[in-house]
Amino acid sequence: MGIEAGGLVERGKDRHHDKVNVVGHHHHVGYMKNKVMRKRKYCSKNRKVKHSSSDSALQRLFVSCRDVFKGLGTLPSPHHVQELCSVLDKFRPEDVGLSSDLQFFKPETEVKGTPRVAYTTIYKCNNFSLCCFFIPATGVIPLHNHPGMTVFSKLLLGKMHIKSYDVVDPIKNSDASQVRLAKLKADSVFTAPCKTSVLYPTTGGNIHAFTAITPCAVLDVIGPPYSKEDGRDCSYYKDHPYASYSDAKVTEGEGDHYGWLEEIEMPDNSEMDGIEYLGPQIIETI
């Protein structure tokens, strides 16, 4: 998914109060009681935190991420991609303190008004970040990109529709208002548990959207994280059917596999609520 602080907006986050477990419309995400560990006040440098297990699934994920993400301008090798997917494929909701028994994930949970997405940052450094997104039923994370990023997404709970594109022949410094041809990479419904999906800077469905069919939790591993200062700001898009424009660039009969992407201003439904992470903690070793 690849949206976090510095990506899609985090309006609604309150860094100065201990508002935990609360997302938009007063729905509670919550954490399993036997897993709750209150995190220290957020620190951008993510210094060491206590109350963690060196052999936990989350700790193994963290160690793998340090091996996989080498910094700006680098792509994970196929071997490293396989390594990280192997770790994430075994990842369970309980590994970040979640459970399908929590009220937020009950199918009958009613959402009043426009469903609002929430997120929590588990860990963030210059090379990668770990974020979890909570999407109420019918909630949407609109079409957005991941400039220069590799993103591993693991659907932990729920059922969602994913639609993704890759731009055909990207043009540097092009007019942002230009409608651009894109190849459809995914347009399907996924149900947890399922395999980890991977997108790359120019392939794998770098521009994607999520629509929750039931309440969902998605874990994203993003490398490197969004950074407006480093030219990795988030852009948003509206897709149009291939037949909407007469500029024929693909073989006749293949139009269903393509679409046109129009860059747009930040949609209203891109705003998210930030909540405190209360799951198992990471030990950041030197």
Protein backbone atom coordinates (compact mmCIF):
# COMPACT_ATOMS: atom_id res chain seq x y z
CA MET A 1 0.00 0.00 0.00
CA GLY A 2 2.80 2.31 0.75
CA ILE A 3 0.97 5.18 2.42
CA GLU A 4 2.18 6.59 5.71
CA ALA A 5 3.43 9.74 7.34
CA GLY A 6 4.74 11.83 4.50
CA GLY A 7 2.58 9.97 1.98
CA LEU A 8 -1.18 10.11 2.22
CA VAL A 9 -2.23 12.71 4.72
CA GLU A 10 -2.24 11.92 8.42
CA ARG A 11 -4.78 14.51 9.47
CA GLY A 12 -6.54 13.61 12.67
CA LYS A 13 -3.40 12.38 14.35
CA ASP A 14 -2.82 13.82 17.79
CA ARG A 15 0.78 13.51 18.92
CA HIS A 16 0.13 15.18 22.27
CA HIS A 17 -2.55 12.97 23.75
CA ASP A 18 -2.77 9.30 24.61
CA LYS A 19 -5.65 8.61 22.23
CA VAL A 20 -5.22 4.93 21.47
CA ASN A 21 -7.33 2.32 19.71
CA VAL A 22 -9.52 5.01 18.14
CA VAL A 23 -10.05 5.59 14.45
CA GLY A 24 -12.54 7.70 12.52
CA HIS A 25 -16.21 7.42 13.46
CA HIS A 26 -15.25 6.16 16.93
CA HIS A 27 -14.53 2.61 15.78
CA HIS A 28 -12.02 0.82 17.97
CA VAL A 29 -9.22 -1.15 16.37
CA GLY A 30 -7.85 -2.29 19.71
CA TYR A 31 -5.18 -4.86 20.55
CA MET A 32 -5.34 -8.22 22.26
CA LYS A 33 -5.07 -7.67 26.00
CA ASN A 34 -2.29 -10.19 26.50
CA LYS A 35 -0.22 -8.43 23.83
CA VAL A 36 -0.62 -4.82 24.85
CA MET A 37 2.62 -2.96 25.42
CA ARG A 38 2.43 0.80 25.54
CA LYS A 39 4.96 2.38 23.25
CA ARG A 40 7.08 5.27 24.38
CA LYS A 41 6.36 8.65 22.92
CA TYR A 42 7.05 8.57 19.20
CA CYS A 43 10.62 9.38 18.26
CA SER A 44 11.58 9.83 14.61
CA LYS A 45 14.90 8.12 15.28
CA ASN A 46 13.14 5.08 16.74
CA ARG A 47 15.58 4.43 19.55
CA LYS A 48 15.59 1.14 21.44
CA VAL A 49 12.39 0.12 23.19
CA LYS A 50 11.95 -2.47 25.92
CA HIS A 51 9.52 -5.36 26.39
CA SER A 52 10.37 -7.22 23.20
CA SER A 53 11.31 -10.75 22.22
CA SER A 54 14.42 -11.31 20.12
CA ASP A 55 12.81 -14.32 18.42
CA SER A 56 9.38 -12.80 17.71
CA ALA A 57 7.96 -12.79 14.19
CA LEU A 58 8.07 -8.99 14.15
CA GLN A 59 11.72 -8.99 15.21
CA ARG A 60 12.56 -11.48 12.45
CA LEU A 61 10.80 -9.23 9.97
CA PHE A 62 12.79 -6.24 11.18
CA VAL A 63 16.11 -8.08 10.85
CA SER A 64 15.17 -9.25 7.36
CA CYS A 65 14.27 -5.70 6.34
CA ARG A 66 17.69 -4.47 7.44
CA ASP A 67 19.24 -7.06 5.12
CA VAL A 68 16.92 -6.33 2.19
CA PHE A 69 16.81 -2.52 2.07
CA LYS A 70 20.24 -1.05 1.42
CA GLY A 71 19.33 2.61 1.00
CA LEU A 72 18.46 5.13 -1.69
CA GLY A 73 18.94 4.16 -5.31
CA THR A 74 19.06 0.42 -4.64
CA LEU A 75 16.56 -2.32 -5.41
CA PRO A 76 16.23 -5.54 -3.41
CA SER A 77 17.81 -8.49 -5.21
CA PRO A 78 15.54 -11.38 -6.26
CA HIS A 79 17.08 -13.42 -3.44
CA HIS A 80 16.22 -10.73 -0.90
CA VAL A 81 12.69 -10.35 -2.27
CA GLN A 82 12.16 -14.08 -1.81
CA GLU A 83 13.62 -13.90 1.70
CA LEU A 84 11.30 -11.12 2.81
CA CYS A 85 8.24 -12.67 1.16
CA SER A 86 8.99 -15.91 2.99
CA VAL A 87 8.94 -14.07 6.32
CA LEU A 88 5.77 -12.11 5.51
CA ASP A 89 3.90 -15.11 4.10
CA LYS A 90 4.08 -16.67 7.58
CA PHE A 91 3.12 -13.45 9.35
CA ARG A 92 -0.09 -13.56 11.42
CA PRO A 93 -2.33 -10.79 12.79
CA GLU A 94 -1.26 -11.81 16.31
CA ASP A 95 2.33 -10.91 15.43
CA VAL A 96 1.35 -7.23 15.59
CA GLY A 97 -1.17 -7.66 18.42
CA LEU A 98 -4.31 -8.06 16.29
CA SER A 99 -7.10 -10.64 16.21
CA SER A 100 -10.20 -11.27 14.12
CA ASP A 101 -12.10 -11.33 17.44
CA LEU A 102 -11.60 -7.59 17.88
CA GLN A 103 -14.81 -5.62 17.35
CA PHE A 104 -13.34 -3.56 14.48
CA PHE A 105 -13.01 -6.67 12.32
CA LYS A 106 -16.52 -7.98 12.91
CA PRO A 107 -18.42 -8.02 9.56
CA GLU A 108 -21.53 -6.62 11.24
CA THR A 109 -19.66 -3.56 12.55
CA GLU A 110 -21.63 -0.55 11.30
CA VAL A 111 -19.81 2.42 9.80
CA LYS A 112 -21.60 5.75 10.07
CA GLY A 113 -20.84 8.37 7.45
CA THR A 114 -17.84 8.09 5.15
CA PRO A 115 -15.54 5.25 6.28
CA ARG A 116 -12.18 6.59 7.37
CA VAL A 117 -8.90 4.71 7.19
CA ALA A 118 -6.50 4.60 10.13
CA TYR A 119 -2.84 3.67 10.26
CA THR A 120 -0.12 3.05 12.79
CA THR A 121 3.63 3.26 12.26
CA ILE A 122 5.38 0.28 13.81
CA TYR A 123 8.89 1.34 12.80
CA LYS A 124 10.52 3.87 10.50
CA CYS A 125 14.08 4.69 9.49
CA ASN A 126 15.71 6.19 6.38
CA ASN A 127 15.84 2.85 4.56
CA PHE A 128 12.42 1.36 5.30
CA SER A 129 9.24 1.59 7.34
CA LEU A 130 6.68 -0.84 8.74
CA CYS A 131 3.08 0.41 8.80
CA CYS A 132 -0.29 -1.18 9.42
CA PHE A 133 -3.49 0.17 7.85
CA PHE A 134 -7.00 -0.40 9.19
CA ILE A 135 -9.73 -0.03 6.57
CA PRO A 136 -13.41 -0.23 7.59
CA ALA A 137 -15.85 -2.03 5.29
CA THR A 138 -16.40 0.02 2.08
CA GLY A 139 -13.42 2.19 3.06
CA VAL A 140 -11.09 3.25 0.24
CA ILE A 141 -7.42 4.08 -0.16
CA PRO A 142 -7.55 5.85 -3.54
CA LEU A 143 -5.22 5.36 -6.50
CA HIS A 144 -1.75 6.55 -5.52
CA ASN A 145 1.85 5.91 -6.49
CA HIS A 146 5.10 4.89 -4.78
CA PRO A 147 7.90 6.86 -6.49
CA GLY A 148 11.23 5.03 -6.37
CA MET A 149 9.92 2.55 -3.80
CA THR A 150 9.65 -1.19 -3.34
CA VAL A 151 6.61 -2.15 -1.27
CA PHE A 152 5.70 -5.51 0.27
CA SER A 153 2.03 -5.73 1.28
CA LYS A 154 0.51 -8.43 3.45
CA LEU A 155 -3.25 -8.60 3.97
CA LEU A 156 -3.55 -9.76 7.58
CA LEU A 157 -7.31 -9.69 8.05
CA GLY A 158 -10.37 -9.17 5.88
CA LYS A 159 -11.33 -9.14 2.23
CA MET A 160 -10.49 -6.33 -0.18
CA HIS A 161 -10.52 -5.38 -3.83
CA ILE A 162 -7.18 -4.28 -5.27
CA LYS A 163 -6.75 -2.44 -8.54
CA SER A 164 -3.28 -1.56 -9.77
CA TYR A 165 -1.51 -0.13 -12.81
CA ASP A 166 1.96 0.43 -14.21
CA VAL A 167 2.51 3.50 -16.39
CA VAL A 168 3.57 2.63 -19.95
CA ASP A 169 6.80 4.36 -21.02
CA PRO A 170 7.09 6.81 -18.11
CA ILE A 171 8.16 10.29 -19.25
CA LYS A 172 10.33 12.28 -16.91
CA ASN A 173 9.36 15.87 -16.22
CA SER A 174 6.10 15.46 -18.12
CA ASP A 175 3.11 17.71 -17.64
CA ALA A 176 1.29 16.45 -14.55
CA SER A 177 -2.06 17.20 -16.18
CA GLN A 178 -1.32 14.84 -19.08
CA VAL A 179 -3.43 11.68 -19.24
CA ARG A 180 -1.06 8.73 -19.44
CA LEU A 181 -1.46 5.21 -20.71
CA ALA A 182 -1.14 2.51 -18.03
CA LYS A 183 -1.30 -1.27 -18.07
CA LEU A 184 -3.74 -2.92 -15.68
CA LYS A 185 -1.83 -5.29 -13.40
CA ALA A 186 -4.51 -6.35 -10.92
CA ASP A 187 -8.27 -5.99 -10.61
CA SER A 188 -9.25 -8.70 -8.15
CA VAL A 189 -10.57 -9.50 -4.71
CA PHE A 190 -8.14 -10.86 -2.12
CA THR A 191 -9.01 -12.61 1.14
CA ALA A 192 -6.70 -13.07 4.12
CA PRO A 193 -4.64 -15.11 4.60
CA CYS A 194 -3.00 -14.71 1.21
CA LYS A 195 0.47 -14.41 -0.29
CA THR A 196 2.52 -11.25 0.02
CA SER A 197 2.30 -8.86 -2.94
CA VAL A 198 5.33 -6.87 -4.12
CA LEU A 199 5.47 -3.72 -6.21
CA TYR A 200 8.56 -2.02 -7.60
CA PRO A 201 9.36 1.55 -8.75
CA THR A 202 8.12 0.92 -12.31
CA THR A 203 6.56 -2.57 -12.25
CA GLY A 204 4.31 -4.81 -10.19
CA GLY A 205 1.41 -2.33 -10.00
CA ASN A 206 3.16 0.72 -8.55
CA ILE A 207 -0.06 2.75 -8.76
CA HIS A 208 -2.81 1.03 -6.81
CA ALA A 209 -6.09 1.46 -4.93
CA PHE A 210 -7.73 -0.57 -2.15
CA THR A 211 -11.43 -0.96 -1.37
CA ALA A 212 -12.35 -2.94 1.73
CA ILE A 213 -15.20 -5.40 1.32
CA THR A 214 -15.00 -6.37 5.00
CA PRO A 215 -12.93 -4.60 7.69
CA CYS A 216 -9.26 -5.11 6.80
CA ALA A 217 -5.79 -4.85 8.25
CA VAL A 218 -2.84 -4.55 5.88
CA LEU A 219 0.83 -4.59 6.82
CA ASP A 220 3.10 -2.60 4.49
CA VAL A 221 6.88 -2.83 4.34
CA ILE A 222 8.10 0.19 2.38
CA GLY A 223 11.63 0.91 1.20
CA PRO A 224 12.57 3.66 1.15
CA PRO A 225 9.70 5.52 2.90
CA TYR A 226 7.87 8.48 1.41
CA SER A 227 9.88 11.70 1.67
CA LYS A 228 8.80 14.93 0.04
CA GLU A 229 12.24 16.41 0.69
CA ASP A 230 13.88 13.57 -1.25
CA GLY A 231 11.42 13.71 -4.16
CA ARG A 232 9.24 10.79 -3.05
CA ASP A 233 5.95 12.58 -2.52
CA CYS A 234 2.64 10.81 -3.09
CA SER A 235 0.58 11.53 -6.22
CA TYR A 236 -3.05 10.58 -6.79
CA TYR A 237 -4.87 9.45 -9.91
CA LYS A 238 -8.23 8.88 -11.52
CA ASP A 239 -8.45 6.05 -14.02
CA HIS A 240 -10.43 6.13 -17.26
CA PRO A 241 -11.36 3.23 -19.59
CA TYR A 242 -9.01 2.73 -22.51
CA ALA A 243 -11.84 3.48 -24.95
CA SER A 244 -12.24 6.98 -23.47
CA TYR A 245 -9.41 8.30 -25.64
CA SER A 246 -8.75 7.74 -29.34
CA ASP A 247 -4.96 7.58 -29.07
CA ALA A 248 -4.55 3.93 -30.08
CA LYS A 249 -1.28 2.67 -28.65
CA VAL A 250 -2.05 -0.99 -28.00
CA THR A 251 -3.00 -3.92 -30.21
CA GLU A 252 -6.67 -4.12 -31.10
CA GLY A 253 -8.54 -6.28 -28.64
CA GLU A 254 -6.17 -5.61 -25.74
CA GLY A 255 -7.87 -2.42 -24.55
CA ASP A 256 -9.38 -4.19 -21.54
CA HIS A 257 -5.86 -4.65 -20.18
CA TYR A 258 -5.09 -0.92 -20.28
CA GLY A 259 -6.48 2.35 -18.98
CA TRP A 260 -5.68 6.05 -18.83
CA LEU A 261 -4.48 7.68 -15.64
CA GLU A 262 -5.18 11.32 -14.88
CA GLU A 263 -3.19 12.89 -12.06
CA ILE A 264 -5.53 14.71 -9.68
CA GLU A 265 -5.42 16.76 -6.51
CA MET A 266 -5.41 14.93 -3.21
CA PRO A 267 -8.86 13.31 -2.78
CA ASP A 268 -10.88 13.97 0.36
CA ASN A 269 -10.91 10.25 1.16
CA SER A 270 -7.10 10.16 1.29
CA GLU A 271 -7.08 11.59 4.80
CA MET A 272 -6.23 9.11 7.54
CA ASP A 273 -6.29 8.94 11.32
CA GLY A 274 -3.02 8.07 13.02
CA ILE A 275 -3.22 5.85 16.09
CA GLU A 276 -0.66 4.66 18.60
CA TYR A 277 0.92 1.25 18.03
CA LEU A 278 0.42 -1.04 21.03
CA GLY A 279 1.59 -4.37 19.66
CA PRO A 280 4.84 -6.27 20.18
CA GLN A 281 7.88 -4.02 19.99
CA ILE A 282 11.04 -4.12 17.93
CA ILE A 283 14.51 -4.23 19.46
CA GLU A 284 16.66 -1.93 17.39
CA THR A 285 20.21 -3.22 17.70
CA ILE A 286 23.34 -1.39 16.58
